[in-house]
Amino acid sequence: MSLPSMFSVGQSEAICEICGGTVGPLEQKVQTQKRTMHRECFKCAICDVPLTVGACALDHSLCRYVGPLWFCNTHMMLGSGEKYQKMKQKRGGAK
């Protein structure tokens, strides 16, 4: 067995659900709801506060339109339309 294959057994790369980049086996990652993300990508889509599993929420309605995005305790309670408007404002879109 070669050295590279010895270290890659059972470890595979995944795709970050948020940025679309590769998540290597040695990178810090978060796995929740059958999705994998870079640790640094796992933050509120509105205020950028770092999130922890169990203290955030995925908006399934928005997921269909803009992909999987998670929200902090403060923003998870907003309706999908209000979340979308706040995200547009953050990006400098229509206010």
Protein backbone atom coordinates (compact mmCIF):
# COMPACT_ATOMS: atom_id res chain seq x y z
CA MET A 1 0.00 0.00 0.00
CA SER A 2 1.43 3.36 -0.96
CA LEU A 3 1.76 6.14 1.58
CA PRO A 4 -0.90 8.47 0.04
CA SER A 5 -3.51 5.72 -0.18
CA MET A 6 -2.76 4.65 3.39
CA PHE A 7 -3.80 8.07 4.67
CA SER A 8 -6.84 8.49 2.45
CA VAL A 9 -8.68 5.32 3.50
CA GLY A 10 -12.17 6.26 4.66
CA GLN A 11 -11.53 9.95 4.12
CA SER A 12 -12.98 11.60 1.06
CA GLU A 13 -13.43 15.15 -0.08
CA ALA A 14 -16.87 16.70 0.04
CA ILE A 15 -18.33 19.81 -1.56
CA CYS A 16 -19.23 22.74 0.71
CA GLU A 17 -22.98 23.35 0.44
CA ILE A 18 -22.46 27.09 0.91
CA CYS A 19 -19.44 28.13 -1.18
CA GLY A 20 -19.26 25.14 -3.53
CA GLY A 21 -15.57 24.58 -2.79
CA THR A 22 -13.93 21.30 -1.92
CA VAL A 23 -13.83 20.33 1.76
CA GLY A 24 -10.71 18.24 2.24
CA PRO A 25 -10.53 15.45 4.80
CA LEU A 26 -8.24 17.46 7.10
CA GLU A 27 -10.15 20.76 6.92
CA GLN A 28 -12.41 21.95 9.72
CA LYS A 29 -15.95 21.18 8.66
CA VAL A 30 -19.51 21.10 9.92
CA GLN A 31 -21.95 18.35 9.05
CA THR A 32 -25.65 18.82 9.69
CA GLN A 33 -28.86 17.72 7.98
CA LYS A 34 -26.83 15.48 5.63
CA ARG A 35 -24.88 18.50 4.39
CA THR A 36 -21.19 19.37 4.72
CA MET A 37 -19.77 22.89 4.96
CA HIS A 38 -16.42 24.52 5.69
CA ARG A 39 -16.37 25.67 9.30
CA GLU A 40 -15.70 29.25 8.14
CA CYS A 41 -18.67 29.18 5.72
CA PHE A 42 -21.13 28.06 8.41
CA LYS A 43 -22.42 31.48 9.47
CA CYS A 44 -25.73 33.36 9.43
CA ALA A 45 -26.64 34.37 5.88
CA ILE A 46 -27.76 37.79 7.15
CA CYS A 47 -25.40 38.90 9.94
CA ASP A 48 -22.40 36.57 9.39
CA VAL A 49 -22.30 35.44 13.03
CA PRO A 50 -20.58 32.01 13.29
CA LEU A 51 -23.14 29.26 13.86
CA THR A 52 -23.19 26.09 15.90
CA VAL A 53 -25.18 22.99 15.10
CA GLY A 54 -28.38 23.02 17.15
CA ALA A 55 -28.45 26.81 17.50
CA CYS A 56 -29.36 27.71 13.92
CA ALA A 57 -31.94 26.92 11.28
CA LEU A 58 -32.04 26.11 7.57
CA ASP A 59 -34.82 27.87 5.67
CA HIS A 60 -36.28 25.16 3.43
CA SER A 61 -38.42 27.63 1.46
CA LEU A 62 -35.42 29.77 0.49
CA CYS A 63 -33.35 26.66 -0.16
CA ARG A 64 -35.32 26.00 -3.34
CA TYR A 65 -34.41 29.41 -4.75
CA VAL A 66 -31.00 30.38 -3.38
CA GLY A 67 -29.55 27.12 -2.09
CA PRO A 68 -29.01 26.03 1.49
CA LEU A 69 -28.54 28.96 3.88
CA TRP A 70 -28.53 28.88 7.66
CA PHE A 71 -29.67 31.58 10.06
CA CYS A 72 -28.80 32.49 13.66
CA ASN A 73 -31.29 32.50 16.54
CA THR A 74 -32.13 36.14 15.88
CA HIS A 75 -32.83 35.77 12.16
CA MET A 76 -34.27 32.25 12.04
CA MET A 77 -37.63 33.54 13.28
CA LEU A 78 -38.10 35.94 10.37
CA GLY A 79 -40.32 34.90 7.49
CA SER A 80 -38.67 33.74 4.28
CA GLY A 81 -39.58 36.95 2.44
CA GLU A 82 -38.07 39.15 5.13
CA LYS A 83 -34.89 37.02 5.21
CA TYR A 84 -34.60 37.33 1.44
CA GLN A 85 -34.99 41.13 1.59
CA LYS A 86 -32.33 41.41 4.31
CA MET A 87 -29.94 39.29 2.26
CA LYS A 88 -30.53 41.54 -0.78
CA GLN A 89 -29.83 44.61 1.36
CA LYS A 90 -26.62 43.01 2.64
CA ARG A 91 -25.44 42.43 -0.95
CA GLY A 92 -26.29 46.01 -1.87
CA GLY A 93 -29.40 45.09 -3.85
CA ALA A 94 -32.87 46.62 -3.72
CA LYS A 95 -33.83 47.96 -0.33
